[in-house]
Amino acid sequence: QQQLENVFNELENRIERCITKDGGL
């Protein structure tokens, strides 16, 4: 469960960074 929580926390971080970059990669 802890691994899954870490994975999805990381996903949120990645999404926030994409939003900050206005979707740019």
mmCIF file of all heavy atoms, coordinates in Angstrom:
data_MODEL
# 
_entry.id   MODEL 
# 
loop_
_atom_site.group_PDB 
_atom_site.id 
_atom_site.type_symbol 
_atom_site.label_atom_id 
_atom_site.label_alt_id 
_atom_site.label_comp_id 
_atom_site.label_asym_id 
_atom_site.label_entity_id 
_atom_site.label_seq_id 
_atom_site.pdbx_PDB_ins_code 
_atom_site.Cartn_x 
_atom_site.Cartn_y 
_atom_site.Cartn_z 
_atom_site.occupancy 
_atom_site.B_iso_or_equiv 
_atom_site.pdbx_formal_charge 
_atom_site.auth_seq_id 
_atom_site.auth_comp_id 
_atom_site.auth_asym_id 
_atom_site.auth_atom_id 
_atom_site.pdbx_PDB_model_num 
ATOM 1   N N   . GLN A 1 1  ? 0.839  -1.200 0.000   1.00 0.00 ? 1  GLN A N   1 
ATOM 2   C CA  . GLN A 1 1  ? 0.000  0.000  0.000   1.00 0.00 ? 1  GLN A CA  1 
ATOM 3   C C   . GLN A 1 1  ? 0.876  1.253  0.000   1.00 0.00 ? 1  GLN A C   1 
ATOM 4   O O   . GLN A 1 1  ? 0.610  2.213  -0.699  1.00 0.00 ? 1  GLN A O   1 
ATOM 5   C CB  . GLN A 1 1  ? -0.923 -0.015 1.222   1.00 0.00 ? 1  GLN A CB  1 
ATOM 6   C CG  . GLN A 1 1  ? -1.858 1.175  1.298   1.00 0.00 ? 1  GLN A CG  1 
ATOM 7   C CD  . GLN A 1 1  ? -2.943 1.154  0.247   1.00 0.00 ? 1  GLN A CD  1 
ATOM 8   O OE1 . GLN A 1 1  ? -3.383 0.085  -0.176  1.00 0.00 ? 1  GLN A OE1 1 
ATOM 9   N NE2 . GLN A 1 1  ? -3.367 2.313  -0.198  1.00 0.00 ? 1  GLN A NE2 1 
ATOM 10  N N   . GLN A 1 2  ? 1.962  1.221  0.787   1.00 0.00 ? 2  GLN A N   1 
ATOM 11  C CA  . GLN A 1 2  ? 2.865  2.372  0.864   1.00 0.00 ? 2  GLN A CA  1 
ATOM 12  C C   . GLN A 1 2  ? 3.531  2.645  -0.480  1.00 0.00 ? 2  GLN A C   1 
ATOM 13  O O   . GLN A 1 2  ? 3.654  3.800  -0.895  1.00 0.00 ? 2  GLN A O   1 
ATOM 14  C CB  . GLN A 1 2  ? 3.942  2.151  1.944   1.00 0.00 ? 2  GLN A CB  1 
ATOM 15  C CG  . GLN A 1 2  ? 4.820  3.374  2.162   1.00 0.00 ? 2  GLN A CG  1 
ATOM 16  C CD  . GLN A 1 2  ? 4.022  4.595  2.618   1.00 0.00 ? 2  GLN A CD  1 
ATOM 17  O OE1 . GLN A 1 2  ? 3.322  4.532  3.610   1.00 0.00 ? 2  GLN A OE1 1 
ATOM 18  N NE2 . GLN A 1 2  ? 4.124  5.686  1.872   1.00 0.00 ? 2  GLN A NE2 1 
ATOM 19  N N   . GLN A 1 3  ? 3.935  1.583  -1.193  1.00 0.00 ? 3  GLN A N   1 
ATOM 20  C CA  . GLN A 1 3  ? 4.525  1.772  -2.521  1.00 0.00 ? 3  GLN A CA  1 
ATOM 21  C C   . GLN A 1 3  ? 3.519  2.438  -3.455  1.00 0.00 ? 3  GLN A C   1 
ATOM 22  O O   . GLN A 1 3  ? 3.864  3.359  -4.195  1.00 0.00 ? 3  GLN A O   1 
ATOM 23  C CB  . GLN A 1 3  ? 4.972  0.434  -3.106  1.00 0.00 ? 3  GLN A CB  1 
ATOM 24  C CG  . GLN A 1 3  ? 6.247  -0.101 -2.511  1.00 0.00 ? 3  GLN A CG  1 
ATOM 25  C CD  . GLN A 1 3  ? 6.548  -1.493 -3.014  1.00 0.00 ? 3  GLN A CD  1 
ATOM 26  O OE1 . GLN A 1 3  ? 5.762  -2.410 -2.817  1.00 0.00 ? 3  GLN A OE1 1 
ATOM 27  N NE2 . GLN A 1 3  ? 7.686  -1.639 -3.670  1.00 0.00 ? 3  GLN A NE2 1 
ATOM 28  N N   . LEU A 1 4  ? 2.271  1.969  -3.422  1.00 0.00 ? 4  LEU A N   1 
ATOM 29  C CA  . LEU A 1 4  ? 1.241  2.555  -4.289  1.00 0.00 ? 4  LEU A CA  1 
ATOM 30  C C   . LEU A 1 4  ? 0.992  4.015  -3.929  1.00 0.00 ? 4  LEU A C   1 
ATOM 31  O O   . LEU A 1 4  ? 0.835  4.857  -4.815  1.00 0.00 ? 4  LEU A O   1 
ATOM 32  C CB  . LEU A 1 4  ? -0.051 1.752  -4.208  1.00 0.00 ? 4  LEU A CB  1 
ATOM 33  C CG  . LEU A 1 4  ? 0.013  0.348  -4.802  1.00 0.00 ? 4  LEU A CG  1 
ATOM 34  C CD1 . LEU A 1 4  ? -1.307 -0.385 -4.577  1.00 0.00 ? 4  LEU A CD1 1 
ATOM 35  C CD2 . LEU A 1 4  ? 0.356  0.394  -6.281  1.00 0.00 ? 4  LEU A CD2 1 
ATOM 36  N N   . GLU A 1 5  ? 0.957  4.320  -2.640  1.00 0.00 ? 5  GLU A N   1 
ATOM 37  C CA  . GLU A 1 5  ? 0.778  5.718  -2.232  1.00 0.00 ? 5  GLU A CA  1 
ATOM 38  C C   . GLU A 1 5  ? 1.928  6.575  -2.748  1.00 0.00 ? 5  GLU A C   1 
ATOM 39  O O   . GLU A 1 5  ? 1.700  7.678  -3.250  1.00 0.00 ? 5  GLU A O   1 
ATOM 40  C CB  . GLU A 1 5  ? 0.664  5.810  -0.708  1.00 0.00 ? 5  GLU A CB  1 
ATOM 41  C CG  . GLU A 1 5  ? -0.661 5.295  -0.190  1.00 0.00 ? 5  GLU A CG  1 
ATOM 42  C CD  . GLU A 1 5  ? -0.766 5.321  1.331   1.00 0.00 ? 5  GLU A CD  1 
ATOM 43  O OE1 . GLU A 1 5  ? -0.037 6.112  1.982   1.00 0.00 ? 5  GLU A OE1 1 
ATOM 44  O OE2 . GLU A 1 5  ? -1.582 4.551  1.870   1.00 0.00 ? 5  GLU A OE2 1 
ATOM 45  N N   . ASN A 1 6  ? 3.153  6.065  -2.661  1.00 0.00 ? 6  ASN A N   1 
ATOM 46  C CA  . ASN A 1 6  ? 4.309  6.807  -3.175  1.00 0.00 ? 6  ASN A CA  1 
ATOM 47  C C   . ASN A 1 6  ? 4.213  7.021  -4.675  1.00 0.00 ? 6  ASN A C   1 
ATOM 48  O O   . ASN A 1 6  ? 4.519  8.107  -5.187  1.00 0.00 ? 6  ASN A O   1 
ATOM 49  C CB  . ASN A 1 6  ? 5.614  6.074  -2.840  1.00 0.00 ? 6  ASN A CB  1 
ATOM 50  C CG  . ASN A 1 6  ? 5.919  6.052  -1.356  1.00 0.00 ? 6  ASN A CG  1 
ATOM 51  O OD1 . ASN A 1 6  ? 5.349  6.812  -0.575  1.00 0.00 ? 6  ASN A OD1 1 
ATOM 52  N ND2 . ASN A 1 6  ? 6.806  5.154  -0.959  1.00 0.00 ? 6  ASN A ND2 1 
ATOM 53  N N   . VAL A 1 7  ? 3.788  5.980  -5.406  1.00 0.00 ? 7  VAL A N   1 
ATOM 54  C CA  . VAL A 1 7  ? 3.656  6.069  -6.862  1.00 0.00 ? 7  VAL A CA  1 
ATOM 55  C C   . VAL A 1 7  ? 2.651  7.154  -7.234  1.00 0.00 ? 7  VAL A C   1 
ATOM 56  O O   . VAL A 1 7  ? 2.893  7.971  -8.122  1.00 0.00 ? 7  VAL A O   1 
ATOM 57  C CB  . VAL A 1 7  ? 3.250  4.704  -7.461  1.00 0.00 ? 7  VAL A CB  1 
ATOM 58  C CG1 . VAL A 1 7  ? 2.783  4.848  -8.903  1.00 0.00 ? 7  VAL A CG1 1 
ATOM 59  C CG2 . VAL A 1 7  ? 4.396  3.718  -7.367  1.00 0.00 ? 7  VAL A CG2 1 
ATOM 60  N N   . PHE A 1 8  ? 1.514  7.184  -6.545  1.00 0.00 ? 8  PHE A N   1 
ATOM 61  C CA  . PHE A 1 8  ? 0.489  8.154  -6.912  1.00 0.00 ? 8  PHE A CA  1 
ATOM 62  C C   . PHE A 1 8  ? 0.796  9.551  -6.392  1.00 0.00 ? 8  PHE A C   1 
ATOM 63  O O   . PHE A 1 8  ? 0.395  10.541 -7.009  1.00 0.00 ? 8  PHE A O   1 
ATOM 64  C CB  . PHE A 1 8  ? -0.904 7.646  -6.538  1.00 0.00 ? 8  PHE A CB  1 
ATOM 65  C CG  . PHE A 1 8  ? -1.328 6.563  -7.487  1.00 0.00 ? 8  PHE A CG  1 
ATOM 66  C CD1 . PHE A 1 8  ? -1.199 5.228  -7.142  1.00 0.00 ? 8  PHE A CD1 1 
ATOM 67  C CD2 . PHE A 1 8  ? -1.769 6.878  -8.758  1.00 0.00 ? 8  PHE A CD2 1 
ATOM 68  C CE1 . PHE A 1 8  ? -1.537 4.223  -8.046  1.00 0.00 ? 8  PHE A CE1 1 
ATOM 69  C CE2 . PHE A 1 8  ? -2.097 5.886  -9.671  1.00 0.00 ? 8  PHE A CE2 1 
ATOM 70  C CZ  . PHE A 1 8  ? -1.990 4.559  -9.313  1.00 0.00 ? 8  PHE A CZ  1 
ATOM 71  N N   . ASN A 1 9  ? 1.551  9.662  -5.296  1.00 0.00 ? 9  ASN A N   1 
ATOM 72  C CA  . ASN A 1 9  ? 2.055  10.980 -4.899  1.00 0.00 ? 9  ASN A CA  1 
ATOM 73  C C   . ASN A 1 9  ? 3.009  11.511 -5.961  1.00 0.00 ? 9  ASN A C   1 
ATOM 74  O O   . ASN A 1 9  ? 2.983  12.702 -6.304  1.00 0.00 ? 9  ASN A O   1 
ATOM 75  C CB  . ASN A 1 9  ? 2.760  10.913 -3.541  1.00 0.00 ? 9  ASN A CB  1 
ATOM 76  C CG  . ASN A 1 9  ? 1.791  10.779 -2.396  1.00 0.00 ? 9  ASN A CG  1 
ATOM 77  O OD1 . ASN A 1 9  ? 0.628  11.150 -2.500  1.00 0.00 ? 9  ASN A OD1 1 
ATOM 78  N ND2 . ASN A 1 9  ? 2.263  10.222 -1.287  1.00 0.00 ? 9  ASN A ND2 1 
ATOM 79  N N   . GLU A 1 10 ? 3.859  10.627 -6.486  1.00 0.00 ? 10 GLU A N   1 
ATOM 80  C CA  . GLU A 1 10 ? 4.775  11.021 -7.556  1.00 0.00 ? 10 GLU A CA  1 
ATOM 81  C C   . GLU A 1 10 ? 4.002  11.426 -8.808  1.00 0.00 ? 10 GLU A C   1 
ATOM 82  O O   . GLU A 1 10 ? 4.359  12.388 -9.487  1.00 0.00 ? 10 GLU A O   1 
ATOM 83  C CB  . GLU A 1 10 ? 5.755  9.880  -7.863  1.00 0.00 ? 10 GLU A CB  1 
ATOM 84  C CG  . GLU A 1 10 ? 6.688  10.157 -9.017  1.00 0.00 ? 10 GLU A CG  1 
ATOM 85  C CD  . GLU A 1 10 ? 7.632  11.333 -8.818  1.00 0.00 ? 10 GLU A CD  1 
ATOM 86  O OE1 . GLU A 1 10 ? 7.815  11.810 -7.677  1.00 0.00 ? 10 GLU A OE1 1 
ATOM 87  O OE2 . GLU A 1 10 ? 8.188  11.797 -9.829  1.00 0.00 ? 10 GLU A OE2 1 
ATOM 88  N N   . LEU A 1 11 ? 2.923  10.703 -9.120  1.00 0.00 ? 11 LEU A N   1 
ATOM 89  C CA  . LEU A 1 11 ? 2.099  11.065 -10.279 1.00 0.00 ? 11 LEU A CA  1 
ATOM 90  C C   . LEU A 1 11 ? 1.528  12.469 -10.100 1.00 0.00 ? 11 LEU A C   1 
ATOM 91  O O   . LEU A 1 11 ? 1.570  13.281 -11.031 1.00 0.00 ? 11 LEU A O   1 
ATOM 92  C CB  . LEU A 1 11 ? 0.975  10.049 -10.489 1.00 0.00 ? 11 LEU A CB  1 
ATOM 93  C CG  . LEU A 1 11 ? 0.024  10.340 -11.649 1.00 0.00 ? 11 LEU A CG  1 
ATOM 94  C CD1 . LEU A 1 11 ? 0.772  10.406 -12.975 1.00 0.00 ? 11 LEU A CD1 1 
ATOM 95  C CD2 . LEU A 1 11 ? -1.080 9.294  -11.700 1.00 0.00 ? 11 LEU A CD2 1 
ATOM 96  N N   . GLU A 1 12 ? 1.021  12.777 -8.913  1.00 0.00 ? 12 GLU A N   1 
ATOM 97  C CA  . GLU A 1 12 ? 0.509  14.129 -8.656  1.00 0.00 ? 12 GLU A CA  1 
ATOM 98  C C   . GLU A 1 12 ? 1.606  15.172 -8.861  1.00 0.00 ? 12 GLU A C   1 
ATOM 99  O O   . GLU A 1 12 ? 1.359  16.217 -9.467  1.00 0.00 ? 12 GLU A O   1 
ATOM 100 C CB  . GLU A 1 12 ? -0.043 14.227 -7.232  1.00 0.00 ? 12 GLU A CB  1 
ATOM 101 C CG  . GLU A 1 12 ? -1.381 13.570 -7.049  1.00 0.00 ? 12 GLU A CG  1 
ATOM 102 C CD  . GLU A 1 12 ? -1.912 13.733 -5.627  1.00 0.00 ? 12 GLU A CD  1 
ATOM 103 O OE1 . GLU A 1 12 ? -1.608 14.764 -4.981  1.00 0.00 ? 12 GLU A OE1 1 
ATOM 104 O OE2 . GLU A 1 12 ? -2.627 12.831 -5.186  1.00 0.00 ? 12 GLU A OE2 1 
ATOM 105 N N   . ASN A 1 13 ? 2.808  14.876 -8.359  1.00 0.00 ? 13 ASN A N   1 
ATOM 106 C CA  . ASN A 1 13 ? 3.926  15.812 -8.538  1.00 0.00 ? 13 ASN A CA  1 
ATOM 107 C C   . ASN A 1 13 ? 4.233  16.018 -10.014 1.00 0.00 ? 13 ASN A C   1 
ATOM 108 O O   . ASN A 1 13 ? 4.484  17.152 -10.458 1.00 0.00 ? 13 ASN A O   1 
ATOM 109 C CB  . ASN A 1 13 ? 5.188  15.295 -7.833  1.00 0.00 ? 13 ASN A CB  1 
ATOM 110 C CG  . ASN A 1 13 ? 5.059  15.324 -6.332  1.00 0.00 ? 13 ASN A CG  1 
ATOM 111 O OD1 . ASN A 1 13 ? 4.272  16.083 -5.774  1.00 0.00 ? 13 ASN A OD1 1 
ATOM 112 N ND2 . ASN A 1 13 ? 5.826  14.471 -5.665  1.00 0.00 ? 13 ASN A ND2 1 
ATOM 113 N N   . ARG A 1 14 ? 4.232  14.958 -10.784 1.00 0.00 ? 14 ARG A N   1 
ATOM 114 C CA  . ARG A 1 14 ? 4.530  15.046 -12.218 1.00 0.00 ? 14 ARG A CA  1 
ATOM 115 C C   . ARG A 1 14 ? 3.452  15.847 -12.944 1.00 0.00 ? 14 ARG A C   1 
ATOM 116 O O   . ARG A 1 14 ? 3.750  16.660 -13.820 1.00 0.00 ? 14 ARG A O   1 
ATOM 117 C CB  . ARG A 1 14 ? 4.655  13.646 -12.815 1.00 0.00 ? 14 ARG A CB  1 
ATOM 118 C CG  . ARG A 1 14 ? 5.909  12.927 -12.371 1.00 0.00 ? 14 ARG A CG  1 
ATOM 119 C CD  . ARG A 1 14 ? 5.878  11.449 -12.730 1.00 0.00 ? 14 ARG A CD  1 
ATOM 120 N NE  . ARG A 1 14 ? 7.075  10.785 -12.255 1.00 0.00 ? 14 ARG A NE  1 
ATOM 121 C CZ  . ARG A 1 14 ? 7.959  10.187 -13.027 1.00 0.00 ? 14 ARG A CZ  1 
ATOM 122 N NH1 . ARG A 1 14 ? 7.777  10.133 -14.326 1.00 0.00 ? 14 ARG A NH1 1 
ATOM 123 N NH2 . ARG A 1 14 ? 9.017  9.618  -12.513 1.00 0.00 ? 14 ARG A NH2 1 
ATOM 124 N N   . ILE A 1 15 ? 2.192  15.621 -12.578 1.00 0.00 ? 15 ILE A N   1 
ATOM 125 C CA  . ILE A 1 15 ? 1.095  16.364 -13.204 1.00 0.00 ? 15 ILE A CA  1 
ATOM 126 C C   . ILE A 1 15 ? 1.223  17.853 -12.873 1.00 0.00 ? 15 ILE A C   1 
ATOM 127 O O   . ILE A 1 15 ? 1.077  18.713 -13.746 1.00 0.00 ? 15 ILE A O   1 
ATOM 128 C CB  . ILE A 1 15 ? -0.274 15.800 -12.756 1.00 0.00 ? 15 ILE A CB  1 
ATOM 129 C CG1 . ILE A 1 15 ? -0.474 14.418 -13.382 1.00 0.00 ? 15 ILE A CG1 1 
ATOM 130 C CG2 . ILE A 1 15 ? -1.399 16.750 -13.130 1.00 0.00 ? 15 ILE A CG2 1 
ATOM 131 C CD1 . ILE A 1 15 ? -1.656 13.649 -12.834 1.00 0.00 ? 15 ILE A CD1 1 
ATOM 132 N N   . GLU A 1 16 ? 1.509  18.157 -11.607 1.00 0.00 ? 16 GLU A N   1 
ATOM 133 C CA  . GLU A 1 16 ? 1.678  19.562 -11.216 1.00 0.00 ? 16 GLU A CA  1 
ATOM 134 C C   . GLU A 1 16 ? 2.817  20.223 -11.981 1.00 0.00 ? 16 GLU A C   1 
ATOM 135 O O   . GLU A 1 16 ? 2.704  21.370 -12.404 1.00 0.00 ? 16 GLU A O   1 
ATOM 136 C CB  . GLU A 1 16 ? 1.917  19.662 -9.704  1.00 0.00 ? 16 GLU A CB  1 
ATOM 137 C CG  . GLU A 1 16 ? 0.663  19.408 -8.898  1.00 0.00 ? 16 GLU A CG  1 
ATOM 138 C CD  . GLU A 1 16 ? 0.904  19.314 -7.400  1.00 0.00 ? 16 GLU A CD  1 
ATOM 139 O OE1 . GLU A 1 16 ? 2.002  19.695 -6.925  1.00 0.00 ? 16 GLU A OE1 1 
ATOM 140 O OE2 . GLU A 1 16 ? -0.020 18.850 -6.710  1.00 0.00 ? 16 GLU A OE2 1 
ATOM 141 N N   . ARG A 1 17 ? 3.916  19.496 -12.196 1.00 0.00 ? 17 ARG A N   1 
ATOM 142 C CA  . ARG A 1 17 ? 5.036  20.064 -12.959 1.00 0.00 ? 17 ARG A CA  1 
ATOM 143 C C   . ARG A 1 17 ? 4.649  20.295 -14.418 1.00 0.00 ? 17 ARG A C   1 
ATOM 144 O O   . ARG A 1 17 ? 5.071  21.272 -15.018 1.00 0.00 ? 17 ARG A O   1 
ATOM 145 C CB  . ARG A 1 17 ? 6.271  19.178 -12.847 1.00 0.00 ? 17 ARG A CB  1 
ATOM 146 C CG  . ARG A 1 17 ? 6.980  19.394 -11.502 1.00 0.00 ? 17 ARG A CG  1 
ATOM 147 C CD  . ARG A 1 17 ? 8.182  18.531 -11.361 1.00 0.00 ? 17 ARG A CD  1 
ATOM 148 N NE  . ARG A 1 17 ? 7.704  17.247 -10.841 1.00 0.00 ? 17 ARG A NE  1 
ATOM 149 C CZ  . ARG A 1 17 ? 8.443  16.187 -10.614 1.00 0.00 ? 17 ARG A CZ  1 
ATOM 150 N NH1 . ARG A 1 17 ? 9.726  16.213 -10.875 1.00 0.00 ? 17 ARG A NH1 1 
ATOM 151 N NH2 . ARG A 1 17 ? 7.931  15.093 -10.124 1.00 0.00 ? 17 ARG A NH2 1 
ATOM 152 N N   . CYS A 1 18 ? 3.841  19.377 -14.983 1.00 0.00 ? 18 CYS A N   1 
ATOM 153 C CA  . CYS A 1 18 ? 3.375  19.585 -16.365 1.00 0.00 ? 18 CYS A CA  1 
ATOM 154 C C   . CYS A 1 18 ? 2.477  20.810 -16.444 1.00 0.00 ? 18 CYS A C   1 
ATOM 155 O O   . CYS A 1 18 ? 2.570  21.594 -17.393 1.00 0.00 ? 18 CYS A O   1 
ATOM 156 C CB  . CYS A 1 18 ? 2.621  18.352 -16.867 1.00 0.00 ? 18 CYS A CB  1 
ATOM 157 S SG  . CYS A 1 18 ? 3.701  17.003 -17.345 1.00 0.00 ? 18 CYS A SG  1 
ATOM 158 N N   . ILE A 1 19 ? 1.607  20.980 -15.447 1.00 0.00 ? 19 ILE A N   1 
ATOM 159 C CA  . ILE A 1 19 ? 0.718  22.151 -15.422 1.00 0.00 ? 19 ILE A CA  1 
ATOM 160 C C   . ILE A 1 19 ? 1.552  23.424 -15.311 1.00 0.00 ? 19 ILE A C   1 
ATOM 161 O O   . ILE A 1 19 ? 1.315  24.400 -16.023 1.00 0.00 ? 19 ILE A O   1 
ATOM 162 C CB  . ILE A 1 19 ? -0.305 22.037 -14.271 1.00 0.00 ? 19 ILE A CB  1 
ATOM 163 C CG1 . ILE A 1 19 ? -1.294 20.906 -14.566 1.00 0.00 ? 19 ILE A CG1 1 
ATOM 164 C CG2 . ILE A 1 19 ? -1.023 23.362 -14.047 1.00 0.00 ? 19 ILE A CG2 1 
ATOM 165 C CD1 . ILE A 1 19 ? -2.173 20.513 -13.386 1.00 0.00 ? 19 ILE A CD1 1 
ATOM 166 N N   . THR A 1 20 ? 2.555  23.409 -14.432 1.00 0.00 ? 20 THR A N   1 
ATOM 167 C CA  . THR A 1 20 ? 3.444  24.568 -14.260 1.00 0.00 ? 20 THR A CA  1 
ATOM 168 C C   . THR A 1 20 ? 4.120  24.930 -15.576 1.00 0.00 ? 20 THR A C   1 
ATOM 169 O O   . THR A 1 20 ? 4.303  26.102 -15.889 1.00 0.00 ? 20 THR A O   1 
ATOM 170 C CB  . THR A 1 20 ? 4.505  24.271 -13.181 1.00 0.00 ? 20 THR A CB  1 
ATOM 171 O OG1 . THR A 1 20 ? 3.822  23.967 -11.966 1.00 0.00 ? 20 THR A OG1 1 
ATOM 172 C CG2 . THR A 1 20 ? 5.422  25.448 -12.969 1.00 0.00 ? 20 THR A CG2 1 
ATOM 173 N N   . LYS A 1 21 ? 4.494  23.922 -16.355 1.00 0.00 ? 21 LYS A N   1 
ATOM 174 C CA  . LYS A 1 21 ? 5.147  24.148 -17.642 1.00 0.00 ? 21 LYS A CA  1 
ATOM 175 C C   . LYS A 1 21 ? 4.124  24.343 -18.762 1.00 0.00 ? 21 LYS A C   1 
ATOM 176 O O   . LYS A 1 21 ? 4.464  24.291 -19.937 1.00 0.00 ? 21 LYS A O   1 
ATOM 177 C CB  . LYS A 1 21 ? 6.057  22.972 -17.997 1.00 0.00 ? 21 LYS A CB  1 
ATOM 178 C CG  . LYS A 1 21 ? 7.125  22.693 -16.982 1.00 0.00 ? 21 LYS A CG  1 
ATOM 179 C CD  . LYS A 1 21 ? 8.428  23.279 -17.438 1.00 0.00 ? 21 LYS A CD  1 
ATOM 180 C CE  . LYS A 1 21 ? 9.502  22.974 -16.429 1.00 0.00 ? 21 LYS A CE  1 
ATOM 181 N NZ  . LYS A 1 21 ? 10.350 24.099 -16.190 1.00 0.00 ? 21 LYS A NZ  1 
ATOM 182 N N   . ASP A 1 22 ? 2.836  24.511 -18.393 1.00 0.00 ? 22 ASP A N   1 
ATOM 183 C CA  . ASP A 1 22 ? 1.752  24.689 -19.353 1.00 0.00 ? 22 ASP A CA  1 
ATOM 184 C C   . ASP A 1 22 ? 1.688  23.516 -20.341 1.00 0.00 ? 22 ASP A C   1 
ATOM 185 O O   . ASP A 1 22 ? 1.487  23.696 -21.529 1.00 0.00 ? 22 ASP A O   1 
ATOM 186 C CB  . ASP A 1 22 ? 1.907  26.021 -20.094 1.00 0.00 ? 22 ASP A CB  1 
ATOM 187 C CG  . ASP A 1 22 ? 0.603  26.465 -20.744 1.00 0.00 ? 22 ASP A CG  1 
ATOM 188 O OD1 . ASP A 1 22 ? -0.482 26.046 -20.281 1.00 0.00 ? 22 ASP A OD1 1 
ATOM 189 O OD2 . ASP A 1 22 ? 0.664  27.216 -21.726 1.00 0.00 ? 22 ASP A OD2 1 
ATOM 190 N N   . GLY A 1 23 ? 1.903  22.320 -19.802 1.00 0.00 ? 23 GLY A N   1 
ATOM 191 C CA  . GLY A 1 23 ? 1.809  21.117 -20.625 1.00 0.00 ? 23 GLY A CA  1 
ATOM 192 C C   . GLY A 1 23 ? 3.049  20.804 -21.422 1.00 0.00 ? 23 GLY A C   1 
ATOM 193 O O   . GLY A 1 23 ? 3.138  19.761 -22.053 1.00 0.00 ? 23 GLY A O   1 
ATOM 194 N N   . GLY A 1 24 ? 4.008  21.702 -21.425 1.00 0.00 ? 24 GLY A N   1 
ATOM 195 C CA  . GLY A 1 24 ? 5.203  21.495 -22.226 1.00 0.00 ? 24 GLY A CA  1 
ATOM 196 C C   . GLY A 1 24 ? 6.092  20.398 -21.669 1.00 0.00 ? 24 GLY A C   1 
ATOM 197 O O   . GLY A 1 24 ? 6.146  20.189 -20.472 1.00 0.00 ? 24 GLY A O   1 
ATOM 198 N N   . LEU A 1 25 ? 6.769  19.721 -22.569 1.00 0.00 ? 25 LEU A N   1 
ATOM 199 C CA  . LEU A 1 25 ? 7.676  18.658 -22.154 1.00 0.00 ? 25 LEU A CA  1 
ATOM 200 C C   . LEU A 1 25 ? 9.123  19.036 -22.463 1.00 0.00 ? 25 LEU A C   1 
ATOM 201 O O   . LEU A 1 25 ? 9.975  18.180 -22.582 1.00 0.00 ? 25 LEU A O   1 
ATOM 202 C CB  . LEU A 1 25 ? 7.310  17.343 -22.846 1.00 0.00 ? 25 LEU A CB  1 
ATOM 203 C CG  . LEU A 1 25 ? 5.984  16.733 -22.425 1.00 0.00 ? 25 LEU A CG  1 
ATOM 204 C CD1 . LEU A 1 25 ? 5.674  15.522 -23.278 1.00 0.00 ? 25 LEU A CD1 1 
ATOM 205 C CD2 . LEU A 1 25 ? 6.013  16.340 -20.974 1.00 0.00 ? 25 LEU A CD2 1 
# 
